[in-house]
Structures are given as C-alpha cells and as structure tokens.
Amino acid sequence: MDTQELYNYLHENFEYKDGKLFFIKQVGIRGQIGKQAGSKHKKGYIDIQIKKKCYKAHRLIFLYHRGYLPEFIDHINRIRDDNRIENLREIDQGDNQRNSKKYNNRTQIYKGVYYNKGNKKWFSVVQINKKRHYLGLHKTPELAYQAYCEFVKANLPIYCLE
C-alpha cells in the first residue's frame, strides 16, 4: 500500500480523537466501530495493524493530519504513546537522536555529559551533522551540562531536555 492509499484508507476507516485512532467502520474481527485501534508495543509505542502490516500509530496519525510521511517523526515530550498531533513533529535523524533520553550508566548523569577518569573531570559533547563538538572539561557535571545546554540552544532548533 503506497502512502496515498494508506492516507485514503485511514480517512475511510478511522477517526482521530486526542492522539488515538478509532474505527468508524467494521474492519475484520477486532476492528469494531468505536473501538480504539492498536496495542502497546513492549518499547512503549502503539502499533496498529492494517492489511497484515504493522504501523506505528504516531506515523499513521502524522499521515492522517499532514498527508505525507517523513523519514523521522519525533514525540516532542518523549512519551512514546502520546500521539496527539501537537506532540508530533517532523525531524531529521540527528535532532531525533539528540532528543532521546540519556543513556543509563554510572558515568553519565546528564545527557551529553561524561566523566573522564584520567583527569577526574566532566566533559560534554554534542554531535551535529556527523561532526562532534567537544565542549571542554568541567569541575562538576552541572557545569558540563550547562555548557551542553547553552550550545544546543544556540545551535539547534530543539530544546535542551534532560
């Protein structure tokens, strides 16, 4: 099914309400009129099956409202099942990665901030368009994170989120 066919199918069979798609026609056994479409995936996204193919609900909702499908769609608040159209935006791969949560390890307290055991200081790094920007050594993780946030706010169209 190409994008235009999928767009038409969505408008013929679903209604959008508060970040969710609901059936407006009987579609198979599970697709009962008025019932919410989809189920939660183990990673937190909502999956919707259409004609034996699985789609992420946020991609379908973006298509439903905007009429096209970009390569990357971002949840602004980073909540994977919050598919309200105002929470979805088209984004490039780099911005999508920068808006992800920080890694869960002991040497990274803030996003983009790491500890250097050799000199016992904190440093921050940002990557933009495959180029890494080293933002210096700092005495505390808070100072390194402040440098990270200032750089992001000055150079990127996204907010600095922890």
C-alpha atoms as a PDB file:
ATOM      1  CA  MET A   1       0.000   0.000   0.000  1.00  0.00           C
ATOM      2  CA  ASP A   2       1.575   3.304  -1.019  1.00  0.00           C
ATOM      3  CA  THR A   3       1.305   6.477   1.075  1.00  0.00           C
ATOM      4  CA  GLN A   4      -1.702   7.884  -0.796  1.00  0.00           C
ATOM      5  CA  GLU A   5      -3.618   4.596  -0.490  1.00  0.00           C
ATOM      6  CA  LEU A   6      -2.770   4.447   3.209  1.00  0.00           C
ATOM      7  CA  TYR A   7      -3.898   8.061   3.679  1.00  0.00           C
ATOM      8  CA  ASN A   8      -7.223   7.282   1.983  1.00  0.00           C
ATOM      9  CA  TYR A   9      -7.638   4.063   3.995  1.00  0.00           C
ATOM     10  CA  LEU A  10      -7.080   5.959   7.253  1.00  0.00           C
ATOM     11  CA  HIS A  11      -9.747   8.549   6.436  1.00  0.00           C
ATOM     12  CA  GLU A  12     -12.220   5.906   5.290  1.00  0.00           C
ATOM     13  CA  ASN A  13     -11.838   3.658   8.335  1.00  0.00           C
ATOM     14  CA  PHE A  14     -10.634   5.741  11.290  1.00  0.00           C
ATOM     15  CA  GLU A  15     -11.464   8.812  13.317  1.00  0.00           C
ATOM     16  CA  TYR A  16      -8.820  10.727  15.278  1.00  0.00           C
ATOM     17  CA  LYS A  17      -9.539  11.791  18.885  1.00  0.00           C
ATOM     18  CA  ASP A  18      -6.946  13.036  21.402  1.00  0.00           C
ATOM     19  CA  GLY A  19      -3.964  11.176  19.960  1.00  0.00           C
ATOM     20  CA  LYS A  20      -5.817   7.958  19.233  1.00  0.00           C
ATOM     21  CA  LEU A  21      -7.399   6.371  16.170  1.00  0.00           C
ATOM     22  CA  PHE A  22     -10.868   4.829  16.478  1.00  0.00           C
ATOM     23  CA  PHE A  23     -12.646   2.606  13.975  1.00  0.00           C
ATOM     24  CA  ILE A  24     -15.566   4.203  12.144  1.00  0.00           C
ATOM     25  CA  LYS A  25     -16.196   1.041  10.096  1.00  0.00           C
ATOM     26  CA  GLN A  26     -16.115  -2.645  10.957  1.00  0.00           C
ATOM     27  CA  VAL A  27     -12.647  -3.855   9.867  1.00  0.00           C
ATOM     28  CA  GLY A  28     -12.105  -7.574  10.424  1.00  0.00           C
ATOM     29  CA  ILE A  29     -12.881  -9.230  13.746  1.00  0.00           C
ATOM     30  CA  ARG A  30     -11.009  -6.827  16.041  1.00  0.00           C
ATOM     31  CA  GLY A  31     -11.858  -3.567  14.286  1.00  0.00           C
ATOM     32  CA  GLN A  32     -15.235  -2.846  15.806  1.00  0.00           C
ATOM     33  CA  ILE A  33     -16.903   0.530  15.294  1.00  0.00           C
ATOM     34  CA  GLY A  34     -15.957   2.929  18.096  1.00  0.00           C
ATOM     35  CA  LYS A  35     -13.108   0.748  19.373  1.00  0.00           C
ATOM     36  CA  GLN A  36      -9.614   2.213  19.709  1.00  0.00           C
ATOM     37  CA  ALA A  37      -7.159   0.810  17.180  1.00  0.00           C
ATOM     38  CA  GLY A  38      -3.829  -0.672  18.150  1.00  0.00           C
ATOM     39  CA  SER A  39      -1.984  -2.168  21.048  1.00  0.00           C
ATOM     40  CA  LYS A  40       1.008  -1.098  23.084  1.00  0.00           C
ATOM     41  CA  HIS A  41       4.364  -2.475  21.955  1.00  0.00           C
ATOM     42  CA  LYS A  42       6.916  -3.569  24.563  1.00  0.00           C
ATOM     43  CA  LYS A  43       9.002  -0.445  23.791  1.00  0.00           C
ATOM     44  CA  GLY A  44       6.047   1.832  24.590  1.00  0.00           C
ATOM     45  CA  TYR A  45       4.845   2.682  21.071  1.00  0.00           C
ATOM     46  CA  ILE A  46       1.305   1.937  19.887  1.00  0.00           C
ATOM     47  CA  ASP A  47       1.206  -0.494  16.938  1.00  0.00           C
ATOM     48  CA  ILE A  48      -1.721  -0.680  14.516  1.00  0.00           C
ATOM     49  CA  GLN A  49      -2.099  -3.488  12.010  1.00  0.00           C
ATOM     50  CA  ILE A  50      -3.566  -2.577   8.625  1.00  0.00           C
ATOM     51  CA  LYS A  51      -3.983  -5.257   5.971  1.00  0.00           C
ATOM     52  CA  LYS A  52      -1.486  -7.587   7.685  1.00  0.00           C
ATOM     53  CA  LYS A  53       1.190  -4.882   8.032  1.00  0.00           C
ATOM     54  CA  CYS A  54       2.155  -3.298  11.342  1.00  0.00           C
ATOM     55  CA  TYR A  55       2.467   0.508  11.591  1.00  0.00           C
ATOM     56  CA  LYS A  56       3.406   2.802  14.460  1.00  0.00           C
ATOM     57  CA  ALA A  57       0.342   4.845  15.467  1.00  0.00           C
ATOM     58  CA  HIS A  58       2.319   8.101  15.585  1.00  0.00           C
ATOM     59  CA  ARG A  59       3.279   7.654  11.916  1.00  0.00           C
ATOM     60  CA  LEU A  60      -0.338   6.966  10.944  1.00  0.00           C
ATOM     61  CA  ILE A  61      -1.590   9.967  12.911  1.00  0.00           C
ATOM     62  CA  PHE A  62       1.011  12.222  11.303  1.00  0.00           C
ATOM     63  CA  LEU A  63      -0.045  10.967   7.864  1.00  0.00           C
ATOM     64  CA  TYR A  64      -3.741  11.353   8.774  1.00  0.00           C
ATOM     65  CA  HIS A  65      -3.221  15.058   9.589  1.00  0.00           C
ATOM     66  CA  ARG A  66      -0.366  16.161   7.325  1.00  0.00           C
ATOM     67  CA  GLY A  67      -0.913  13.959   4.249  1.00  0.00           C
ATOM     68  CA  TYR A  68       2.675  12.731   3.973  1.00  0.00           C
ATOM     69  CA  LEU A  69       5.182  10.573   5.861  1.00  0.00           C
ATOM     70  CA  PRO A  70       8.617  11.984   6.692  1.00  0.00           C
ATOM     71  CA  GLU A  71      11.531   9.680   7.429  1.00  0.00           C
ATOM     72  CA  PHE A  72      11.603  10.645  11.130  1.00  0.00           C
ATOM     73  CA  ILE A  73       8.786  11.713  13.430  1.00  0.00           C
ATOM     74  CA  ASP A  74       9.553  12.820  16.971  1.00  0.00           C
ATOM     75  CA  HIS A  75       7.457  12.800  20.140  1.00  0.00           C
ATOM     76  CA  ILE A  76       8.274  16.266  21.487  1.00  0.00           C
ATOM     77  CA  ASN A  77       7.689  15.275  25.121  1.00  0.00           C
ATOM     78  CA  ARG A  78       9.442  11.893  24.531  1.00  0.00           C
ATOM     79  CA  ILE A  79       6.400   9.920  25.739  1.00  0.00           C
ATOM     80  CA  ARG A  80       6.098   7.183  23.137  1.00  0.00           C
ATOM     81  CA  ASP A  81       2.368   6.605  23.439  1.00  0.00           C
ATOM     82  CA  ASP A  82       1.418  10.314  23.491  1.00  0.00           C
ATOM     83  CA  ASN A  83       0.360  10.551  19.854  1.00  0.00           C
ATOM     84  CA  ARG A  84      -1.511  13.854  19.955  1.00  0.00           C
ATOM     85  CA  ILE A  85      -0.750  15.645  16.699  1.00  0.00           C
ATOM     86  CA  GLU A  86       0.563  18.688  18.583  1.00  0.00           C
ATOM     87  CA  ASN A  87       3.148  16.392  20.223  1.00  0.00           C
ATOM     88  CA  LEU A  88       4.431  15.049  16.877  1.00  0.00           C
ATOM     89  CA  ARG A  89       6.887  16.801  14.602  1.00  0.00           C
ATOM     90  CA  GLU A  90       8.949  16.034  11.538  1.00  0.00           C
ATOM     91  CA  ILE A  91      12.610  15.911  12.449  1.00  0.00           C
ATOM     92  CA  ASP A  92      15.922  14.816  10.962  1.00  0.00           C
ATOM     93  CA  GLN A  93      17.916  11.876  12.297  1.00  0.00           C
ATOM     94  CA  GLY A  94      20.421  13.983  14.245  1.00  0.00           C
ATOM     95  CA  ASP A  95      17.761  16.005  16.049  1.00  0.00           C
ATOM     96  CA  ASN A  96      15.846  12.811  16.765  1.00  0.00           C
ATOM     97  CA  GLN A  97      18.900  11.299  18.453  1.00  0.00           C
ATOM     98  CA  ARG A  98      19.601  14.486  20.417  1.00  0.00           C
ATOM     99  CA  ASN A  99      16.023  14.471  21.726  1.00  0.00           C
ATOM    100  CA  SER A 100      16.410  10.933  23.061  1.00  0.00           C
ATOM    101  CA  LYS A 101      16.826  10.167  26.743  1.00  0.00           C
ATOM    102  CA  LYS A 102      20.285   9.957  28.245  1.00  0.00           C
ATOM    103  CA  TYR A 103      21.981   6.613  28.456  1.00  0.00           C
ATOM    104  CA  ASN A 104      21.552   4.742  31.710  1.00  0.00           C
ATOM    105  CA  ASN A 105      25.077   4.260  33.035  1.00  0.00           C
ATOM    106  CA  ARG A 106      27.099   5.317  36.043  1.00  0.00           C
ATOM    107  CA  THR A 107      29.432   7.747  34.274  1.00  0.00           C
ATOM    108  CA  GLN A 108      26.700   9.814  32.613  1.00  0.00           C
ATOM    109  CA  ILE A 109      24.472  11.814  34.925  1.00  0.00           C
ATOM    110  CA  TYR A 110      23.171  14.297  32.338  1.00  0.00           C
ATOM    111  CA  LYS A 111      22.590  13.903  28.639  1.00  0.00           C
ATOM    112  CA  GLY A 112      25.742  14.719  26.647  1.00  0.00           C
ATOM    113  CA  VAL A 113      27.896  14.780  29.812  1.00  0.00           C
ATOM    114  CA  TYR A 114      30.557  12.178  30.623  1.00  0.00           C
ATOM    115  CA  TYR A 115      33.205  11.617  33.273  1.00  0.00           C
ATOM    116  CA  ASN A 116      36.873  11.354  32.355  1.00  0.00           C
ATOM    117  CA  LYS A 117      38.552   9.098  34.927  1.00  0.00           C
ATOM    118  CA  GLY A 118      42.067  10.051  33.777  1.00  0.00           C
ATOM    119  CA  ASN A 119      41.850  13.706  34.746  1.00  0.00           C
ATOM    120  CA  LYS A 120      38.865  13.325  37.080  1.00  0.00           C
ATOM    121  CA  LYS A 121      36.755  15.937  35.326  1.00  0.00           C
ATOM    122  CA  TRP A 122      33.461  16.094  33.462  1.00  0.00           C
ATOM    123  CA  PHE A 123      33.158  16.894  29.768  1.00  0.00           C
ATOM    124  CA  SER A 124      30.273  17.459  27.370  1.00  0.00           C
ATOM    125  CA  VAL A 125      29.909  16.535  23.710  1.00  0.00           C
ATOM    126  CA  VAL A 126      27.296  17.298  21.024  1.00  0.00           C
ATOM    127  CA  GLN A 127      27.181  15.792  17.553  1.00  0.00           C
ATOM    128  CA  ILE A 128      25.654  17.815  14.692  1.00  0.00           C
ATOM    129  CA  ASN A 129      25.605  16.624  11.081  1.00  0.00           C
ATOM    130  CA  LYS A 130      28.100  13.852  11.873  1.00  0.00           C
ATOM    131  CA  LYS A 131      30.542  16.351  13.400  1.00  0.00           C
ATOM    132  CA  ARG A 132      31.384  16.029  17.083  1.00  0.00           C
ATOM    133  CA  HIS A 133      31.671  19.240  19.132  1.00  0.00           C
ATOM    134  CA  TYR A 134      33.775  18.844  22.281  1.00  0.00           C
ATOM    135  CA  LEU A 135      32.648  21.418  24.854  1.00  0.00           C
ATOM    136  CA  GLY A 136      35.538  21.268  27.305  1.00  0.00           C
ATOM    137  CA  LEU A 137      36.390  19.891  30.734  1.00  0.00           C
ATOM    138  CA  HIS A 138      34.452  21.000  33.801  1.00  0.00           C
ATOM    139  CA  LYS A 139      34.790  20.507  37.555  1.00  0.00           C
ATOM    140  CA  THR A 140      31.170  19.389  38.023  1.00  0.00           C
ATOM    141  CA  PRO A 141      28.610  17.560  35.891  1.00  0.00           C
ATOM    142  CA  GLU A 142      26.268  20.533  36.322  1.00  0.00           C
ATOM    143  CA  LEU A 143      28.772  22.912  34.687  1.00  0.00           C
ATOM    144  CA  ALA A 144      29.351  20.453  31.842  1.00  0.00           C
ATOM    145  CA  TYR A 145      25.596  20.123  31.343  1.00  0.00           C
ATOM    146  CA  GLN A 146      25.209  23.903  31.373  1.00  0.00           C
ATOM    147  CA  ALA A 147      27.782  24.101  28.537  1.00  0.00           C
ATOM    148  CA  TYR A 148      25.863  21.373  26.678  1.00  0.00           C
ATOM    149  CA  CYS A 149      22.529  23.211  27.054  1.00  0.00           C
ATOM    150  CA  GLU A 150      23.963  26.579  26.002  1.00  0.00           C
ATOM    151  CA  PHE A 151      25.489  25.025  22.886  1.00  0.00           C
ATOM    152  CA  VAL A 152      22.284  23.175  21.986  1.00  0.00           C
ATOM    153  CA  LYS A 153      20.093  26.257  22.476  1.00  0.00           C
ATOM    154  CA  ALA A 154      22.462  28.371  20.364  1.00  0.00           C
ATOM    155  CA  ASN A 155      22.925  25.874  17.534  1.00  0.00           C
ATOM    156  CA  LEU A 156      19.911  23.581  17.314  1.00  0.00           C
ATOM    157  CA  PRO A 157      16.163  24.063  16.823  1.00  0.00           C
ATOM    158  CA  ILE A 158      15.258  21.811  19.769  1.00  0.00           C
ATOM    159  CA  TYR A 159      15.107  22.440  23.466  1.00  0.00           C
ATOM    160  CA  CYS A 160      17.693  21.228  25.926  1.00  0.00           C
ATOM    161  CA  LEU A 161      15.967  18.400  27.754  1.00  0.00           C
ATOM    162  CA  GLU A 162      17.416  16.122  30.417  1.00  0.00           C
END
